[in-house]
Amino acid sequence: MRTRQSVCVRKARYASAAVALDAAKVAGLALRPYRCDRCWQFHLTSRTKGRWMPTTSRYS
């Protein structure tokens, strides 16, 4: 599904997925990065429907 321009404009943009993940950790929220098909940078989202999410290890 393509990101709407109005959504892209109001979201923070990050140069890489790693930088976006760091921002999510600072915010203390369960967010994941995705590459925007409008600006080609990364945004954060809380949506997981239809997305593969890596499981976190219980032993780390």
PDB file of N, CA and C in Angstrom:
ATOM      1  N   MET A   1       0.845  -1.168   0.000  1.00  0.00           N
ATOM      2  CA  MET A   1       0.000   0.000   0.000  1.00  0.00           C
ATOM      3  C   MET A   1       0.898   1.241   0.000  1.00  0.00           C
ATOM      4  N   ARG A   2       0.591   2.170  -0.813  1.00  0.00           N
ATOM      5  CA  ARG A   2       1.385   3.381  -0.946  1.00  0.00           C
ATOM      6  C   ARG A   2       1.063   4.375   0.176  1.00  0.00           C
ATOM      7  N   THR A   3       2.115   5.002   0.687  1.00  0.00           N
ATOM      8  CA  THR A   3       1.959   6.009   1.734  1.00  0.00           C
ATOM      9  C   THR A   3       1.354   7.275   1.146  1.00  0.00           C
ATOM     10  N   ARG A   4       0.356   7.821   1.813  1.00  0.00           N
ATOM     11  CA  ARG A   4      -0.236   9.079   1.346  1.00  0.00           C
ATOM     12  C   ARG A   4       0.736  10.229   1.597  1.00  0.00           C
ATOM     13  N   GLN A   5       0.753  11.176   0.682  1.00  0.00           N
ATOM     14  CA  GLN A   5       1.647  12.328   0.793  1.00  0.00           C
ATOM     15  C   GLN A   5       1.406  13.095   2.091  1.00  0.00           C
ATOM     16  N   SER A   6       0.154  13.240   2.486  1.00  0.00           N
ATOM     17  CA  SER A   6      -0.163  13.985   3.709  1.00  0.00           C
ATOM     18  C   SER A   6       0.397  13.292   4.953  1.00  0.00           C
ATOM     19  N   VAL A   7       0.464  11.967   4.928  1.00  0.00           N
ATOM     20  CA  VAL A   7       1.029  11.218   6.048  1.00  0.00           C
ATOM     21  C   VAL A   7       2.543  11.399   6.067  1.00  0.00           C
ATOM     22  N   CYS A   8       3.167  11.285   4.914  1.00  0.00           N
ATOM     23  CA  CYS A   8       4.615  11.427   4.802  1.00  0.00           C
ATOM     24  C   CYS A   8       5.077  12.795   5.302  1.00  0.00           C
ATOM     25  N   VAL A   9       4.373  13.834   4.913  1.00  0.00           N
ATOM     26  CA  VAL A   9       4.780  15.203   5.243  1.00  0.00           C
ATOM     27  C   VAL A   9       4.796  15.453   6.749  1.00  0.00           C
ATOM     28  N   ARG A  10       3.862  14.858   7.484  1.00  0.00           N
ATOM     29  CA  ARG A  10       3.789  15.164   8.913  1.00  0.00           C
ATOM     30  C   ARG A  10       4.610  14.216   9.795  1.00  0.00           C
ATOM     31  N   LYS A  11       5.212  13.182   9.221  1.00  0.00           N
ATOM     32  CA  LYS A  11       6.028  12.258  10.003  1.00  0.00           C
ATOM     33  C   LYS A  11       7.496  12.681   9.985  1.00  0.00           C
ATOM     34  N   ALA A  12       8.194  12.327  11.056  1.00  0.00           N
ATOM     35  CA  ALA A  12       9.638  12.577  11.111  1.00  0.00           C
ATOM     36  C   ALA A  12      10.330  11.676  10.099  1.00  0.00           C
ATOM     37  N   ARG A  13      11.398  12.184   9.501  1.00  0.00           N
ATOM     38  CA  ARG A  13      12.155  11.418   8.506  1.00  0.00           C
ATOM     39  C   ARG A  13      13.521  11.067   9.072  1.00  0.00           C
ATOM     40  N   TYR A  14      13.959   9.842   8.776  1.00  0.00           N
ATOM     41  CA  TYR A  14      15.251   9.357   9.249  1.00  0.00           C
ATOM     42  C   TYR A  14      16.042   8.838   8.057  1.00  0.00           C
ATOM     43  N   ALA A  15      17.355   9.051   8.082  1.00  0.00           N
ATOM     44  CA  ALA A  15      18.217   8.672   6.965  1.00  0.00           C
ATOM     45  C   ALA A  15      18.404   7.162   6.852  1.00  0.00           C
ATOM     46  N   SER A  16      18.290   6.442   7.965  1.00  0.00           N
ATOM     47  CA  SER A  16      18.475   4.991   7.932  1.00  0.00           C
ATOM     48  C   SER A  16      17.533   4.324   8.927  1.00  0.00           C
ATOM     49  N   ALA A  17      17.369   3.021   8.762  1.00  0.00           N
ATOM     50  CA  ALA A  17      16.518   2.261   9.677  1.00  0.00           C
ATOM     51  C   ALA A  17      17.120   2.254  11.079  1.00  0.00           C
ATOM     52  N   ALA A  18      18.451   2.215  11.163  1.00  0.00           N
ATOM     53  CA  ALA A  18      19.120   2.203  12.465  1.00  0.00           C
ATOM     54  C   ALA A  18      18.851   3.495  13.235  1.00  0.00           C
ATOM     55  N   VAL A  19      18.912   4.619  12.562  1.00  0.00           N
ATOM     56  CA  VAL A  19      18.633   5.911  13.204  1.00  0.00           C
ATOM     57  C   VAL A  19      17.174   5.959  13.650  1.00  0.00           C
ATOM     58  N   ALA A  20      16.280   5.439  12.834  1.00  0.00           N
ATOM     59  CA  ALA A  20      14.861   5.409  13.188  1.00  0.00           C
ATOM     60  C   ALA A  20      14.622   4.527  14.414  1.00  0.00           C
ATOM     61  N   LEU A  21      15.293   3.377  14.482  1.00  0.00           N
ATOM     62  CA  LEU A  21      15.155   2.491  15.643  1.00  0.00           C
ATOM     63  C   LEU A  21      15.666   3.159  16.911  1.00  0.00           C
ATOM     64  N   ASP A  22      16.761   3.897  16.796  1.00  0.00           N
ATOM     65  CA  ASP A  22      17.281   4.634  17.952  1.00  0.00           C
ATOM     66  C   ASP A  22      16.250   5.639  18.453  1.00  0.00           C
ATOM     67  N   ALA A  23      15.597   6.328  17.541  1.00  0.00           N
ATOM     68  CA  ALA A  23      14.563   7.299  17.916  1.00  0.00           C
ATOM     69  C   ALA A  23      13.388   6.599  18.597  1.00  0.00           C
ATOM     70  N   ALA A  24      13.033   5.413  18.124  1.00  0.00           N
ATOM     71  CA  ALA A  24      11.934   4.657  18.729  1.00  0.00           C
ATOM     72  C   ALA A  24      12.295   4.228  20.148  1.00  0.00           C
ATOM     73  N   LYS A  25      13.551   3.832  20.355  1.00  0.00           N
ATOM     74  CA  LYS A  25      13.990   3.427  21.695  1.00  0.00           C
ATOM     75  C   LYS A  25      13.947   4.604  22.658  1.00  0.00           C
ATOM     76  N   VAL A  26      14.374   5.767  22.191  1.00  0.00           N
ATOM     77  CA  VAL A  26      14.342   6.974  23.028  1.00  0.00           C
ATOM     78  C   VAL A  26      12.903   7.311  23.408  1.00  0.00           C
ATOM     79  N   ALA A  27      11.986   7.134  22.474  1.00  0.00           N
ATOM     80  CA  ALA A  27      10.573   7.431  22.730  1.00  0.00           C
ATOM     81  C   ALA A  27       9.946   6.413  23.676  1.00  0.00           C
ATOM     82  N   GLY A  28      10.551   5.227  23.770  1.00  0.00           N
ATOM     83  CA  GLY A  28      10.027   4.200  24.657  1.00  0.00           C
ATOM     84  C   GLY A  28       8.758   3.544  24.152  1.00  0.00           C
ATOM     85  N   LEU A  29       8.553   3.581  22.840  1.00  0.00           N
ATOM     86  CA  LEU A  29       7.350   3.000  22.242  1.00  0.00           C
ATOM     87  C   LEU A  29       7.713   1.826  21.350  1.00  0.00           C
ATOM     88  N   ALA A  30       6.762   0.934  21.128  1.00  0.00           N
ATOM     89  CA  ALA A  30       6.970  -0.210  20.240  1.00  0.00           C
ATOM     90  C   ALA A  30       6.712   0.239  18.802  1.00  0.00           C
ATOM     91  N   LEU A  31       7.730   0.791  18.181  1.00  0.00           N
ATOM     92  CA  LEU A  31       7.623   1.277  16.811  1.00  0.00           C
ATOM     93  C   LEU A  31       8.624   0.549  15.939  1.00  0.00           C
ATOM     94  N   ARG A  32       8.317   0.468  14.643  1.00  0.00           N
ATOM     95  CA  ARG A  32       9.248  -0.150  13.703  1.00  0.00           C
ATOM     96  C   ARG A  32       9.454   0.791  12.523  1.00  0.00           C
ATOM     97  N   PRO A  33      10.660   0.762  11.954  1.00  0.00           N
ATOM     98  CA  PRO A  33      10.934   1.629  10.807  1.00  0.00           C
ATOM     99  C   PRO A  33      10.427   1.013   9.510  1.00  0.00           C
ATOM    100  N   TYR A  34      10.125   1.855   8.553  1.00  0.00           N
ATOM    101  CA  TYR A  34       9.802   1.404   7.202  1.00  0.00           C
ATOM    102  C   TYR A  34      10.271   2.462   6.222  1.00  0.00           C
ATOM    103  N   ARG A  35      10.623   2.022   5.015  1.00  0.00           N
ATOM    104  CA  ARG A  35      11.051   2.968   3.989  1.00  0.00           C
ATOM    105  C   ARG A  35       9.816   3.509   3.281  1.00  0.00           C
ATOM    106  N   CYS A  36       9.725   4.812   3.231  1.00  0.00           N
ATOM    107  CA  CYS A  36       8.589   5.487   2.610  1.00  0.00           C
ATOM    108  C   CYS A  36       8.736   5.468   1.091  1.00  0.00           C
ATOM    109  N   ASP A  37       7.656   5.156   0.401  1.00  0.00           N
ATOM    110  CA  ASP A  37       7.697   5.129  -1.064  1.00  0.00           C
ATOM    111  C   ASP A  37       7.457   6.516  -1.667  1.00  0.00           C
ATOM    112  N   ARG A  38       7.317   7.529  -0.828  1.00  0.00           N
ATOM    113  CA  ARG A  38       7.179   8.913  -1.308  1.00  0.00           C
ATOM    114  C   ARG A  38       8.515   9.651  -1.245  1.00  0.00           C
ATOM    115  N   CYS A  39       9.148   9.645  -0.064  1.00  0.00           N
ATOM    116  CA  CYS A  39      10.385  10.413   0.125  1.00  0.00           C
ATOM    117  C   CYS A  39      11.638   9.535   0.134  1.00  0.00           C
ATOM    118  N   TRP A  40      11.487   8.227   0.161  1.00  0.00           N
ATOM    119  CA  TRP A  40      12.570   7.237   0.169  1.00  0.00           C
ATOM    120  C   TRP A  40      13.440   7.302   1.412  1.00  0.00           C
ATOM    121  N   GLN A  41      12.940   7.950   2.453  1.00  0.00           N
ATOM    122  CA  GLN A  41      13.615   7.920   3.741  1.00  0.00           C
ATOM    123  C   GLN A  41      12.811   7.007   4.656  1.00  0.00           C
ATOM    124  N   PHE A  42      13.207   6.910   5.923  1.00  0.00           N
ATOM    125  CA  PHE A  42      12.532   6.024   6.859  1.00  0.00           C
ATOM    126  C   PHE A  42      11.623   6.806   7.791  1.00  0.00           C
ATOM    127  N   HIS A  43      10.465   6.223   8.093  1.00  0.00           N
ATOM    128  CA  HIS A  43       9.525   6.734   9.082  1.00  0.00           C
ATOM    129  C   HIS A  43       9.327   5.632  10.119  1.00  0.00           C
ATOM    130  N   LEU A  44       8.643   5.958  11.204  1.00  0.00           N
ATOM    131  CA  LEU A  44       8.293   4.974  12.223  1.00  0.00           C
ATOM    132  C   LEU A  44       6.790   4.730  12.203  1.00  0.00           C
ATOM    133  N   THR A  45       6.415   3.483  12.456  1.00  0.00           N
ATOM    134  CA  THR A  45       5.002   3.126  12.543  1.00  0.00           C
ATOM    135  C   THR A  45       4.801   2.114  13.658  1.00  0.00           C
ATOM    136  N   SER A  46       3.594   2.078  14.180  1.00  0.00           N
ATOM    137  CA  SER A  46       3.238   1.072  15.180  1.00  0.00           C
ATOM    138  C   SER A  46       2.481  -0.084  14.541  1.00  0.00           C
ATOM    139  N   ARG A  47       2.150   0.044  13.278  1.00  0.00           N
ATOM    140  CA  ARG A  47       1.373  -0.995  12.587  1.00  0.00           C
ATOM    141  C   ARG A  47       2.215  -2.235  12.341  1.00  0.00           C
ATOM    142  N   THR A  48       1.597  -3.395  12.543  1.00  0.00           N
ATOM    143  CA  THR A  48       2.277  -4.663  12.290  1.00  0.00           C
ATOM    144  C   THR A  48       1.468  -5.573  11.373  1.00  0.00           C
ATOM    145  N   LYS A  49       0.246  -5.217  11.074  1.00  0.00           N
ATOM    146  CA  LYS A  49      -0.619  -6.076  10.269  1.00  0.00           C
ATOM    147  C   LYS A  49      -0.002  -6.324   8.892  1.00  0.00           C
ATOM    148  N   GLY A  50       0.151  -7.601   8.556  1.00  0.00           N
ATOM    149  CA  GLY A  50       0.679  -7.965   7.251  1.00  0.00           C
ATOM    150  C   GLY A  50       2.180  -7.818   7.123  1.00  0.00           C
ATOM    151  N   ARG A  51       2.861  -7.552   8.218  1.00  0.00           N
ATOM    152  CA  ARG A  51       4.308  -7.366   8.184  1.00  0.00           C
ATOM    153  C   ARG A  51       4.983  -8.459   8.987  1.00  0.00           C
ATOM    154  N   TRP A  52       6.122  -8.918   8.495  1.00  0.00           N
ATOM    155  CA  TRP A  52       6.907  -9.884   9.242  1.00  0.00           C
ATOM    156  C   TRP A  52       7.659  -9.139  10.325  1.00  0.00           C
ATOM    157  N   MET A  53       7.528  -9.600  11.548  1.00  0.00           N
ATOM    158  CA  MET A  53       8.215  -8.973  12.670  1.00  0.00           C
ATOM    159  C   MET A  53       9.184  -9.980  13.266  1.00  0.00           C
ATOM    160  N   PRO A  54      10.463  -9.623  13.391  1.00  0.00           N
ATOM    161  CA  PRO A  54      11.413 -10.555  14.001  1.00  0.00           C
ATOM    162  C   PRO A  54      11.063 -10.774  15.467  1.00  0.00           C
ATOM    163  N   THR A  55      11.230 -11.988  15.928  1.00  0.00           N
ATOM    164  CA  THR A  55      10.960 -12.271  17.329  1.00  0.00           C
ATOM    165  C   THR A  55      12.179 -11.886  18.148  1.00  0.00           C
ATOM    166  N   THR A  56      11.950 -11.454  19.356  1.00  0.00           N
ATOM    167  CA  THR A  56      13.063 -11.111  20.231  1.00  0.00           C
ATOM    168  C   THR A  56      13.437 -12.338  21.033  1.00  0.00           C
ATOM    169  N   SER A  57      14.699 -12.500  21.244  1.00  0.00           N
ATOM    170  CA  SER A  57      15.185 -13.664  21.965  1.00  0.00           C
ATOM    171  C   SER A  57      14.954 -13.495  23.460  1.00  0.00           C
ATOM    172  N   ARG A  58      14.487 -14.537  24.096  1.00  0.00           N
ATOM    173  CA  ARG A  58      14.287 -14.495  25.547  1.00  0.00           C
ATOM    174  C   ARG A  58      15.602 -14.673  26.287  1.00  0.00           C
ATOM    175  N   TYR A  59      16.643 -15.095  25.575  1.00  0.00           N
ATOM    176  CA  TYR A  59      17.897 -15.453  26.217  1.00  0.00           C
ATOM    177  C   TYR A  59      18.974 -14.397  26.079  1.00  0.00           C
ATOM    178  N   SER A  60      18.679 -13.262  25.485  1.00  0.00           N
ATOM    179  CA  SER A  60      19.727 -12.247  25.325  1.00  0.00           C
ATOM    180  C   SER A  60      19.716 -11.232  26.427  1.00  0.00           C
TER     181      SER A  60
END
